[in-house]
Amino acid sequence: MQTKAARYTLEQINAGQILIDPDTDGQWQVLDVKLRAIGGAMEACTSIDLVEETSGDIVFSAPVAALTEDAWVTVSTANVVSTNLGQWGTVGKDLLLAVVGDDATTATHLDVVVTYIH
């Protein structure tokens, strides 16, 4: 089991980020996710999602209304979607951080903590 914790700038979030980059024949299984907006609430976008590359399968989706300043958003937060949490990703495909809708605004950073098996 591994945990990746990182702080991304607003520019990095809007550009999209690779969170897990498996080997060509590697796979990942996300077990837990936590997100926290820093420097203000996340605004303008619809949600911040963790998705599988190519298929776009949503592993975790946090609605923008939940991403208030300094509040951790987890699988137990209201309106969070975690349909594919615990499922194995497709062999060789990345796990991506993606902004849905308009670019995210107001917050300066996003803390991301992902616990997974690789």
Protein backbone atom coordinates (compact mmCIF):
# COMPACT_ATOMS: atom_id res chain seq x y z
CA MET A 1 0.00 0.00 0.00
CA GLN A 2 1.27 3.47 -0.89
CA THR A 3 0.15 7.00 -0.11
CA LYS A 4 0.85 9.97 -2.34
CA ALA A 5 0.39 13.40 -0.78
CA ALA A 6 0.97 16.54 -2.82
CA ARG A 7 -0.03 20.20 -3.01
CA TYR A 8 -0.92 21.45 -6.48
CA THR A 9 -1.25 25.07 -7.62
CA LEU A 10 -4.45 26.28 -9.23
CA GLU A 11 -2.64 26.39 -12.57
CA GLN A 12 -1.57 22.74 -12.19
CA ILE A 13 -5.10 21.68 -11.23
CA ASN A 14 -6.65 23.38 -14.26
CA ALA A 15 -4.03 21.87 -16.57
CA GLY A 16 -4.70 18.37 -15.20
CA GLN A 17 -2.22 16.26 -13.27
CA ILE A 18 -1.09 12.66 -13.36
CA LEU A 19 -1.48 11.30 -9.82
CA ILE A 20 -0.45 7.69 -10.44
CA ASP A 21 1.66 6.67 -13.44
CA PRO A 22 1.89 2.87 -13.58
CA ASP A 23 4.41 0.96 -15.65
CA THR A 24 3.24 -0.19 -19.07
CA ASP A 25 1.99 -3.41 -17.50
CA GLY A 26 1.20 -1.92 -14.06
CA GLN A 27 -2.13 -1.33 -12.40
CA TRP A 28 -3.47 0.67 -9.45
CA GLN A 29 -6.36 0.33 -7.03
CA VAL A 30 -7.36 3.48 -5.13
CA LEU A 31 -8.45 2.78 -1.56
CA ASP A 32 -8.92 6.30 -0.16
CA VAL A 33 -8.87 9.94 -1.28
CA LYS A 34 -8.77 13.25 0.59
CA LEU A 35 -8.86 16.72 -0.99
CA ARG A 36 -8.50 20.15 0.67
CA ALA A 37 -8.73 23.62 -0.88
CA ILE A 38 -6.04 26.06 0.30
CA GLY A 39 -6.13 29.87 0.07
CA GLY A 40 -9.90 30.10 -0.41
CA ALA A 41 -12.79 27.95 -1.51
CA MET A 42 -12.64 26.23 -4.89
CA GLU A 43 -15.06 28.01 -7.26
CA ALA A 44 -16.31 28.19 -10.87
CA CYS A 45 -15.78 24.51 -11.77
CA THR A 46 -18.44 21.84 -11.25
CA SER A 47 -16.19 19.31 -9.50
CA ILE A 48 -12.66 18.04 -9.04
CA ASP A 49 -12.40 14.41 -10.14
CA LEU A 50 -9.93 11.56 -10.10
CA VAL A 51 -10.41 9.71 -13.37
CA GLU A 52 -8.81 6.89 -15.28
CA GLU A 53 -6.90 7.94 -18.38
CA THR A 54 -8.67 7.18 -21.68
CA SER A 55 -11.85 5.58 -20.25
CA GLY A 56 -12.66 8.59 -18.06
CA ASP A 57 -14.07 6.28 -15.39
CA ILE A 58 -14.60 8.36 -12.25
CA VAL A 59 -12.82 7.00 -9.20
CA PHE A 60 -13.67 9.97 -6.96
CA SER A 61 -15.62 13.17 -7.63
CA ALA A 62 -15.79 16.09 -5.19
CA PRO A 63 -18.43 18.75 -5.93
CA VAL A 64 -17.08 22.30 -5.84
CA ALA A 65 -19.53 23.18 -3.03
CA ALA A 66 -17.70 20.73 -0.75
CA LEU A 67 -14.27 22.22 -1.45
CA THR A 68 -14.37 25.05 1.07
CA GLU A 69 -11.14 26.50 2.43
CA ASP A 70 -9.16 24.16 4.71
CA ALA A 71 -11.93 21.50 4.94
CA TRP A 72 -10.93 17.94 4.07
CA VAL A 73 -13.24 16.28 1.54
CA THR A 74 -13.37 12.48 1.88
CA VAL A 75 -15.50 9.57 0.68
CA SER A 76 -17.93 10.28 3.54
CA THR A 77 -18.48 13.95 2.57
CA ALA A 78 -22.00 14.69 1.30
CA ASN A 79 -22.47 14.40 -2.49
CA VAL A 80 -19.03 12.91 -3.13
CA VAL A 81 -19.11 10.18 -5.78
CA SER A 82 -16.72 7.27 -5.30
CA THR A 83 -18.26 4.66 -7.62
CA ASN A 84 -14.98 3.08 -8.76
CA LEU A 85 -13.07 3.45 -5.51
CA GLY A 86 -11.55 0.06 -4.71
CA GLN A 87 -11.72 -1.14 -8.32
CA TRP A 88 -8.56 -1.99 -10.25
CA GLY A 89 -7.65 0.51 -12.97
CA THR A 90 -6.90 -0.60 -16.51
CA VAL A 91 -3.38 -1.96 -17.03
CA GLY A 92 -0.95 0.77 -18.07
CA LYS A 93 -3.40 3.67 -17.64
CA ASP A 94 -2.74 6.73 -15.45
CA LEU A 95 -4.92 8.09 -12.67
CA LEU A 96 -5.58 11.76 -13.44
CA LEU A 97 -6.73 14.79 -11.45
CA ALA A 98 -9.29 16.60 -13.61
CA VAL A 99 -11.38 19.75 -13.34
CA VAL A 100 -14.95 19.35 -14.62
CA GLY A 101 -16.73 22.36 -16.15
CA ASP A 102 -15.02 25.74 -16.10
CA ASP A 103 -11.49 26.20 -14.76
CA ALA A 104 -11.26 26.25 -10.97
CA THR A 105 -10.80 29.69 -9.41
CA THR A 106 -10.27 31.48 -6.06
CA ALA A 107 -8.37 28.78 -4.13
CA THR A 108 -4.61 28.99 -4.62
CA HIS A 109 -3.79 25.30 -4.08
CA LEU A 110 -5.33 21.86 -3.64
CA ASP A 111 -3.96 19.26 -1.24
CA VAL A 112 -4.43 15.72 -2.56
CA VAL A 113 -3.86 12.54 -0.55
CA VAL A 114 -4.38 9.23 -2.39
CA THR A 115 -3.90 5.82 -0.76
CA TYR A 116 -3.57 3.01 -3.27
CA ILE A 117 -2.16 -0.38 -4.14
CA HIS A 118 0.18 -0.52 -7.14
